[in-house]
Amino acid sequence: MLEKEADKMRTHTAFLRTLFGFCAVLLGLTSRSPAERAVQGVLLTPDAAGRYVVSEIGQGLIPTAVNIHGQVVGYTRTNPYRAFLWAESSGAQLLGAYGADPASIAYGINDIGQVVGESFPEPYNLGRAFLWNSADGMQDLATLGGSGASAHSINNSGAVAGTSRLPNSDRLEPFIWTKSEGMRWLGSLGGQGDYNVARDLNNSNEVVGTSSAADGSNDAFVWSEKTGMLDIGKLSPADASSCGTGINDLGQVVGWSRSVTGGLGDRAFIWSAQDGMQDIGSLGGEADAYGINNLGAVVGASGTVAIGDNWKVHAFIWQNGAMTDLNALLSSELSYKLTSAVGINDYGQIVAVSDPYFIPEPATVLLLGLAGLALRRCRAGSVSDRT
């Protein structure tokens, strides 16, 4: 009996090896070239028909923010990273790094063209927060007294939000920086966790991010000069954490709330002082909101199909109470899919990125599905033979 079962298992194993080998050959035949599979940054501009015209920022250029003039900042996907500033008329301009630092990332830009980000020394750790403009180049914004800082967003008055460290501490802390007062600590929600960051601020110097709360979770916060840091909670009391990623001039906040047990994973939210936190839905799976404009339009990324433990991810726009896949709103067909939308201005221009990692080939999905089905049948056969 044992010998008979061993023969069956050897047969199953040989079949699976053949099938997976066949899959590998076909995947090699159906995969796109490295150039076609490179990360692609784009600027989407709405047209009169309510669709989007695509301007390619460039392969290997990862956008992070856009201003009212359609200027885009981000970083090159090279080693080392380099911050860039892009415009439709002039293309991408590398901003360099601070001093002898080998790498930099630009995270934010305001409507007068000031750029903020992080310049990295070796090794790649929390570096130095920088402010860049075309006249003066790159300025170091210093720290909260400890080591390292990163600037994430800048408003039209030149105030900056980001993260740094206090003296003699490894804990990340949120800050606001102004030219008149320098860098100020925003406080915390009372927890002992070491991840406390400011992600965005509006033109009223209201700041959003995430901070360690007294119950051990990390919660989304809104900070203002008048109120200090306020915990805006999570979509569900059972959620493990939440983060505010964007805020507009009306005080509306967007971000994500994360399940404690997996399940739904990340859920995108919009929050206001009047209505509290609301789930804005998804394209079928997890969802994260990254940006919001003053008209209340929200952009981000959402899963559409589960592939193993990962989601096939598409960029979305949420407006008028409905979430739409941005790939369905393009004025012309592209050879790639947009996986994440990271910013939107008040003219409705959106910066987005296509990342092949999140887009399995149709043949890949089919073949992996066949292989998984075969494996399941083999296992089922083995169980039935033993019973």
Protein backbone atom coordinates (compact mmCIF):
# COMPACT_ATOMS: atom_id res chain seq x y z
CA MET A 1 0.00 0.00 0.00
CA LEU A 2 2.77 2.43 0.92
CA GLU A 3 4.69 1.53 -2.26
CA LYS A 4 1.58 2.16 -4.38
CA GLU A 5 1.05 5.58 -2.77
CA ALA A 6 4.73 6.46 -3.24
CA ASP A 7 4.45 5.66 -6.97
CA LYS A 8 1.40 7.94 -7.22
CA MET A 9 3.21 10.76 -5.45
CA ARG A 10 6.18 10.41 -7.80
CA THR A 11 3.77 10.60 -10.74
CA HIS A 12 2.11 13.75 -9.31
CA THR A 13 5.51 15.35 -8.69
CA ALA A 14 6.71 14.61 -12.23
CA PHE A 15 3.50 16.06 -13.65
CA LEU A 16 3.81 19.24 -11.61
CA ARG A 17 7.43 19.71 -12.60
CA THR A 18 6.46 19.37 -16.24
CA LEU A 19 3.56 21.80 -15.87
CA PHE A 20 5.58 24.43 -14.02
CA GLY A 21 8.39 24.07 -16.51
CA PHE A 22 5.90 24.59 -19.33
CA CYS A 23 4.56 27.65 -17.50
CA ALA A 24 8.05 29.07 -17.18
CA VAL A 25 8.69 28.69 -20.90
CA LEU A 26 5.39 30.34 -21.80
CA LEU A 27 5.97 33.14 -19.31
CA GLY A 28 9.27 33.83 -21.01
CA LEU A 29 7.49 34.00 -24.37
CA THR A 30 4.67 36.25 -23.16
CA SER A 31 6.63 38.61 -20.93
CA ARG A 32 7.20 42.12 -22.21
CA SER A 33 10.67 43.47 -22.78
CA PRO A 34 12.53 45.11 -19.85
CA ALA A 35 11.95 48.55 -21.41
CA GLU A 36 8.21 47.94 -21.69
CA ARG A 37 8.06 46.65 -18.11
CA ALA A 38 9.92 49.63 -16.60
CA VAL A 39 8.17 51.81 -14.04
CA GLN A 40 6.46 54.68 -15.87
CA GLY A 41 5.43 58.03 -14.35
CA VAL A 42 2.64 60.02 -16.02
CA LEU A 43 0.68 63.25 -15.71
CA LEU A 44 -3.03 62.93 -16.51
CA THR A 45 -4.85 66.06 -17.73
CA PRO A 46 -8.67 66.03 -17.99
CA ASP A 47 -10.18 66.88 -21.39
CA ALA A 48 -13.57 68.32 -22.36
CA ALA A 49 -15.10 64.86 -22.51
CA GLY A 50 -14.18 64.04 -18.93
CA ARG A 51 -11.38 61.68 -19.89
CA TYR A 52 -7.63 62.04 -19.35
CA VAL A 53 -4.86 62.88 -21.79
CA VAL A 54 -1.59 61.17 -20.80
CA SER A 55 1.78 62.95 -20.73
CA GLU A 56 4.64 60.58 -20.00
CA ILE A 57 7.04 61.91 -17.38
CA GLY A 58 9.47 59.14 -18.22
CA GLN A 59 10.43 55.55 -17.58
CA GLY A 60 12.09 55.06 -14.23
CA LEU A 61 10.81 58.42 -12.94
CA ILE A 62 8.58 58.04 -9.87
CA PRO A 63 6.29 61.07 -9.32
CA THR A 64 5.31 62.06 -5.78
CA ALA A 65 3.43 65.39 -6.10
CA VAL A 66 2.06 67.94 -8.57
CA ASN A 67 1.35 71.68 -8.20
CA ILE A 68 -1.29 73.92 -9.79
CA HIS A 69 0.92 74.56 -12.83
CA GLY A 70 1.35 70.86 -13.63
CA GLN A 71 4.95 70.78 -12.36
CA VAL A 72 5.79 67.35 -10.98
CA VAL A 73 8.42 66.23 -8.49
CA GLY A 74 9.68 62.79 -7.57
CA TYR A 75 12.78 60.65 -7.84
CA THR A 76 14.63 58.46 -10.30
CA ARG A 77 14.44 54.71 -9.80
CA THR A 78 18.18 54.35 -10.01
CA ASN A 79 20.89 53.57 -7.51
CA PRO A 80 21.34 56.08 -6.00
CA TYR A 81 17.97 57.84 -6.20
CA ARG A 82 17.93 61.42 -7.48
CA ALA A 83 15.25 64.05 -6.94
CA PHE A 84 13.75 65.59 -10.08
CA LEU A 85 11.48 68.45 -11.13
CA TRP A 86 9.48 67.91 -14.34
CA ALA A 87 7.44 70.25 -16.53
CA GLU A 88 5.67 69.53 -19.82
CA SER A 89 7.69 72.20 -21.62
CA SER A 90 11.15 71.35 -20.32
CA GLY A 91 11.11 67.72 -19.24
CA ALA A 92 12.88 66.41 -16.14
CA GLN A 93 15.55 68.37 -14.30
CA LEU A 94 17.68 66.58 -11.70
CA LEU A 95 17.95 68.59 -8.47
CA GLY A 96 21.07 66.92 -7.16
CA ALA A 97 21.63 66.27 -3.45
CA TYR A 98 22.87 68.26 -0.47
CA GLY A 99 26.64 68.65 -0.23
CA ALA A 100 28.40 65.36 -0.89
CA ASP A 101 25.28 63.23 -0.31
CA PRO A 102 24.90 60.60 -3.04
CA ALA A 103 21.08 60.43 -3.18
CA SER A 104 17.91 62.47 -2.84
CA ILE A 105 14.12 62.22 -3.14
CA ALA A 106 11.66 65.09 -3.75
CA TYR A 107 8.35 64.61 -1.93
CA GLY A 108 6.48 67.91 -2.28
CA ILE A 109 6.14 71.06 -4.38
CA ASN A 110 4.09 74.24 -3.86
CA ASP A 111 2.54 76.57 -6.42
CA ILE A 112 5.59 78.87 -6.58
CA GLY A 113 7.91 76.01 -7.43
CA GLN A 114 9.58 75.42 -4.06
CA VAL A 115 10.47 71.74 -3.58
CA VAL A 116 11.03 69.72 -0.40
CA GLY A 117 12.38 66.26 0.22
CA GLU A 118 15.22 64.30 1.69
CA SER A 119 18.92 64.12 0.85
CA PHE A 120 20.64 60.89 1.90
CA PRO A 121 24.17 60.33 3.12
CA GLU A 122 25.58 56.82 3.22
CA PRO A 123 24.13 54.51 4.36
CA TYR A 124 20.51 55.00 3.34
CA ASN A 125 18.94 56.03 6.62
CA LEU A 126 16.94 59.08 7.67
CA GLY A 127 18.95 61.81 5.94
CA ARG A 128 18.46 65.58 5.94
CA ALA A 129 15.31 67.53 5.14
CA PHE A 130 15.83 69.96 2.27
CA LEU A 131 14.08 72.96 0.74
CA TRP A 132 15.00 73.71 -2.89
CA ASN A 133 14.26 76.68 -5.16
CA SER A 134 15.66 77.63 -8.54
CA ALA A 135 17.47 80.72 -7.20
CA ASP A 136 19.20 79.31 -4.12
CA GLY A 137 19.39 75.59 -4.74
CA MET A 138 19.13 73.16 -1.82
CA GLN A 139 18.88 74.31 1.83
CA ASP A 140 19.23 72.01 4.86
CA LEU A 141 16.25 72.52 7.22
CA ALA A 142 18.16 71.05 10.22
CA THR A 143 16.52 68.65 12.72
CA LEU A 144 14.53 68.56 15.97
CA GLY A 145 17.84 68.18 17.77
CA GLY A 146 18.43 64.52 17.01
CA SER A 147 19.82 62.76 13.96
CA GLY A 148 18.17 62.99 10.58
CA ALA A 149 15.07 64.58 9.07
CA SER A 150 12.84 64.29 6.01
CA ALA A 151 10.53 66.96 4.51
CA HIS A 152 7.30 65.59 3.03
CA SER A 153 5.14 68.56 2.02
CA ILE A 154 5.29 72.34 1.53
CA ASN A 155 2.42 74.85 1.30
CA ASN A 156 2.18 78.13 -0.60
CA SER A 157 3.50 80.20 2.32
CA GLY A 158 6.60 78.02 2.51
CA ALA A 159 5.69 76.06 5.67
CA VAL A 160 7.02 72.49 5.61
CA ALA A 161 5.86 69.28 7.30
CA GLY A 162 7.92 66.15 7.83
CA THR A 163 9.65 63.90 10.32
CA SER A 164 12.81 64.11 12.43
CA ARG A 165 14.23 62.94 15.78
CA LEU A 166 14.49 64.59 19.17
CA PRO A 167 17.84 64.63 21.01
CA ASN A 168 19.11 61.22 22.23
CA SER A 169 16.21 59.35 20.61
CA ASP A 170 15.75 56.95 17.70
CA ARG A 171 12.00 57.63 17.58
CA LEU A 172 10.62 59.41 14.52
CA GLU A 173 8.69 62.57 15.35
CA PRO A 174 6.44 64.90 13.28
CA PHE A 175 7.45 68.51 12.68
CA ILE A 176 6.38 71.76 11.08
CA TRP A 177 9.02 74.16 9.79
CA THR A 178 8.64 77.85 8.98
CA LYS A 179 11.29 80.36 7.94
CA SER A 180 10.58 82.54 10.97
CA GLU A 181 10.52 79.82 13.65
CA GLY A 182 12.52 76.95 12.20
CA MET A 183 11.57 73.34 13.02
CA ARG A 184 9.00 72.63 15.76
CA TRP A 185 7.89 69.33 17.24
CA LEU A 186 4.14 68.68 16.87
CA GLY A 187 3.85 66.39 19.89
CA SER A 188 2.26 62.93 19.93
CA LEU A 189 -0.93 61.03 20.73
CA GLY A 190 0.57 59.69 23.97
CA GLY A 191 1.92 56.33 22.83
CA GLN A 192 5.40 54.87 23.05
CA GLY A 193 5.74 53.71 19.44
CA ASP A 194 8.67 54.95 17.40
CA TYR A 195 6.87 55.78 14.13
CA ASN A 196 5.32 59.27 14.23
CA VAL A 197 5.31 61.19 10.96
CA ALA A 198 3.73 64.23 9.33
CA ARG A 199 2.68 63.54 5.74
CA ASP A 200 0.98 66.68 4.43
CA LEU A 201 -0.17 70.19 5.33
CA ASN A 202 -2.58 72.70 3.82
CA ASN A 203 -2.38 76.47 3.37
CA SER A 204 -3.71 77.02 6.91
CA ASN A 205 -0.75 75.08 8.35
CA GLU A 206 -2.99 72.16 9.37
CA VAL A 207 -0.85 69.02 9.35
CA VAL A 208 -1.84 65.34 8.95
CA GLY A 209 0.04 62.11 9.52
CA THR A 210 0.19 59.20 11.95
CA SER A 211 1.24 58.99 15.59
CA SER A 212 1.54 56.34 18.28
CA ALA A 213 -1.54 56.32 20.51
CA ALA A 214 -1.81 55.33 24.17
CA ASP A 215 -3.51 52.01 23.28
CA GLY A 216 -0.46 50.91 21.28
CA SER A 217 -1.88 51.51 17.82
CA ASN A 218 -0.80 54.18 15.36
CA ASP A 219 -3.65 56.58 14.56
CA ALA A 220 -4.20 59.24 11.92
CA PHE A 221 -3.95 62.76 13.32
CA VAL A 222 -4.75 66.36 12.42
CA TRP A 223 -2.65 69.10 14.01
CA SER A 224 -3.28 72.85 14.06
CA GLU A 225 -1.89 75.75 16.02
CA LYS A 226 -5.24 76.15 17.75
CA THR A 227 -6.06 72.55 18.68
CA GLY A 228 -2.71 70.81 18.83
CA MET A 229 -2.67 67.15 17.76
CA LEU A 230 -6.08 65.48 17.46
CA ASP A 231 -6.60 61.74 17.06
CA ILE A 232 -9.09 61.19 14.22
CA GLY A 233 -9.24 57.45 14.87
CA LYS A 234 -9.73 54.50 12.57
CA LEU A 235 -12.55 53.17 10.39
CA SER A 236 -13.16 50.39 12.92
CA PRO A 237 -12.16 50.09 16.58
CA ALA A 238 -10.69 46.69 15.65
CA ASP A 239 -8.32 48.19 13.08
CA ALA A 240 -4.63 48.10 13.96
CA SER A 241 -3.61 51.49 12.61
CA SER A 242 -4.49 54.42 10.38
CA CYS A 243 -2.62 57.21 8.61
CA GLY A 244 -3.57 60.61 7.24
CA THR A 245 -1.79 61.08 3.91
CA GLY A 246 -3.39 64.22 2.45
CA ILE A 247 -5.35 67.32 3.49
CA ASN A 248 -7.00 70.09 1.46
CA ASP A 249 -7.71 73.71 2.37
CA LEU A 250 -11.22 72.77 3.59
CA GLY A 251 -9.69 70.53 6.24
CA GLN A 252 -10.78 67.29 4.56
CA VAL A 253 -8.32 64.48 5.24
CA VAL A 254 -7.67 61.27 3.29
CA GLY A 255 -5.63 58.21 4.11
CA TRP A 256 -5.98 54.55 5.02
CA SER A 257 -7.10 52.41 7.94
CA ARG A 258 -5.58 48.94 8.37
CA SER A 259 -7.28 45.81 9.67
CA VAL A 260 -5.75 44.12 12.71
CA THR A 261 -6.29 40.60 11.35
CA GLY A 262 -5.64 41.04 7.63
CA GLY A 263 -9.00 40.40 5.99
CA LEU A 264 -9.89 43.60 4.19
CA GLY A 265 -6.38 44.97 4.84
CA ASP A 266 -6.14 48.67 4.01
CA ARG A 267 -9.32 50.70 3.49
CA ALA A 268 -9.27 54.21 2.07
CA PHE A 269 -11.03 56.95 4.01
CA ILE A 270 -12.05 60.58 3.85
CA TRP A 271 -12.46 62.52 7.10
CA SER A 272 -13.88 65.90 8.06
CA ALA A 273 -14.62 67.51 11.41
CA GLN A 274 -18.32 67.60 10.49
CA ASP A 275 -18.77 64.05 9.19
CA GLY A 276 -15.98 62.07 10.82
CA MET A 277 -14.23 59.21 9.01
CA GLN A 278 -15.92 57.47 6.06
CA ASP A 279 -14.88 54.45 4.01
CA ILE A 280 -14.78 55.49 0.34
CA GLY A 281 -14.85 51.92 -1.00
CA SER A 282 -12.51 50.10 -3.34
CA LEU A 283 -12.16 48.57 -6.80
CA GLY A 284 -12.70 45.13 -5.30
CA GLY A 285 -9.93 44.68 -2.74
CA GLU A 286 -7.72 46.79 -0.52
CA ALA A 287 -7.53 50.57 -1.04
CA ASP A 288 -5.26 53.46 0.00
CA ALA A 289 -6.02 57.16 -0.56
CA TYR A 290 -2.99 59.41 -1.13
CA GLY A 291 -4.19 62.83 -2.27
CA ILE A 292 -7.17 65.20 -2.26
CA ASN A 293 -7.77 68.54 -3.99
CA ASN A 294 -9.92 71.49 -2.91
CA LEU A 295 -12.88 70.13 -4.90
CA GLY A 296 -12.88 66.97 -2.79
CA ALA A 297 -11.58 64.64 -5.52
CA VAL A 298 -9.46 61.83 -4.05
CA VAL A 299 -6.81 59.68 -5.73
CA GLY A 300 -5.00 56.54 -4.66
CA ALA A 301 -4.57 52.83 -5.38
CA SER A 302 -6.86 49.84 -4.98
CA GLY A 303 -6.70 46.11 -5.59
CA THR A 304 -8.91 44.62 -8.28
CA VAL A 305 -8.03 40.90 -8.30
CA ALA A 306 -6.35 38.80 -5.61
CA ILE A 307 -3.20 37.02 -6.87
CA GLY A 308 -2.03 34.79 -4.04
CA ASP A 309 -1.26 37.09 -1.12
CA ASN A 310 -1.03 40.18 -3.35
CA TRP A 311 -3.53 42.37 -5.15
CA LYS A 312 -3.50 43.39 -8.78
CA VAL A 313 -3.46 47.15 -8.13
CA HIS A 314 -4.96 49.99 -10.18
CA ALA A 315 -4.93 53.76 -9.77
CA PHE A 316 -8.28 55.29 -8.86
CA ILE A 317 -10.12 58.59 -8.61
CA TRP A 318 -12.99 59.03 -6.16
CA GLN A 319 -15.44 61.84 -6.74
CA ASN A 320 -19.17 62.44 -6.31
CA GLY A 321 -19.28 59.43 -3.99
CA ALA A 322 -17.97 56.91 -6.51
CA MET A 323 -14.57 55.28 -7.11
CA THR A 324 -13.43 54.73 -10.72
CA ASP A 325 -10.43 52.93 -12.15
CA LEU A 326 -8.35 55.62 -13.89
CA ASN A 327 -7.35 53.11 -16.56
CA ALA A 328 -10.98 53.18 -17.74
CA LEU A 329 -10.94 56.98 -18.14
CA LEU A 330 -7.93 57.45 -20.43
CA SER A 331 -8.41 59.13 -23.80
CA SER A 332 -6.12 56.61 -25.53
CA GLU A 333 -5.04 53.02 -24.87
CA LEU A 334 -1.68 52.53 -23.16
CA SER A 335 0.73 49.60 -23.28
CA TYR A 336 0.83 49.62 -19.47
CA LYS A 337 -1.62 49.94 -16.58
CA LEU A 338 -1.61 52.72 -14.00
CA THR A 339 -1.17 51.18 -10.57
CA SER A 340 -1.20 54.19 -8.25
CA ALA A 341 -2.29 57.85 -8.33
CA VAL A 342 -0.32 59.89 -5.80
CA GLY A 343 -1.47 63.49 -6.23
CA ILE A 344 -4.14 65.74 -7.78
CA ASN A 345 -4.27 69.53 -8.24
CA ASP A 346 -7.28 71.86 -8.38
CA TYR A 347 -7.41 71.65 -12.19
CA GLY A 348 -7.89 67.90 -11.85
CA GLN A 349 -4.43 66.99 -13.12
CA ILE A 350 -3.24 63.74 -11.59
CA VAL A 351 0.23 62.25 -11.19
CA ALA A 352 0.28 58.46 -11.39
CA VAL A 353 2.66 55.58 -11.87
CA SER A 354 2.66 52.19 -13.56
CA ASP A 355 4.64 49.51 -11.74
CA PRO A 356 4.86 46.09 -13.48
CA TYR A 357 5.28 44.37 -10.11
CA PHE A 358 1.60 44.94 -9.40
CA ILE A 359 0.35 43.94 -12.86
CA PRO A 360 0.58 40.20 -13.58
CA GLU A 361 0.47 39.35 -17.29
CA PRO A 362 -2.84 37.78 -18.38
CA ALA A 363 -0.90 34.67 -19.43
CA THR A 364 0.84 34.66 -16.06
CA VAL A 365 -2.45 34.70 -14.18
CA LEU A 366 -3.89 31.94 -16.40
CA LEU A 367 -0.87 29.68 -16.13
CA LEU A 368 -0.45 30.16 -12.41
CA GLY A 369 -4.13 29.39 -12.04
CA LEU A 370 -3.73 26.18 -14.07
CA ALA A 371 -0.72 25.17 -12.02
CA GLY A 372 -2.58 25.88 -8.78
CA LEU A 373 -5.60 23.86 -9.98
CA ALA A 374 -3.35 20.96 -10.94
CA LEU A 375 -1.65 21.07 -7.54
CA ARG A 376 -5.02 21.09 -5.79
CA ARG A 377 -6.24 18.09 -7.82
CA CYS A 378 -3.03 16.20 -7.10
CA ARG A 379 -3.41 16.85 -3.37
CA ALA A 380 -7.08 15.86 -3.52
CA GLY A 381 -6.15 12.63 -5.34
CA SER A 382 -3.56 11.78 -2.73
CA VAL A 383 -6.07 12.30 0.08
CA SER A 384 -8.73 10.17 -1.62
CA ASP A 385 -6.23 7.37 -2.20
CA ARG A 386 -5.48 7.28 1.53
CA THR A 387 -9.11 7.22 2.66
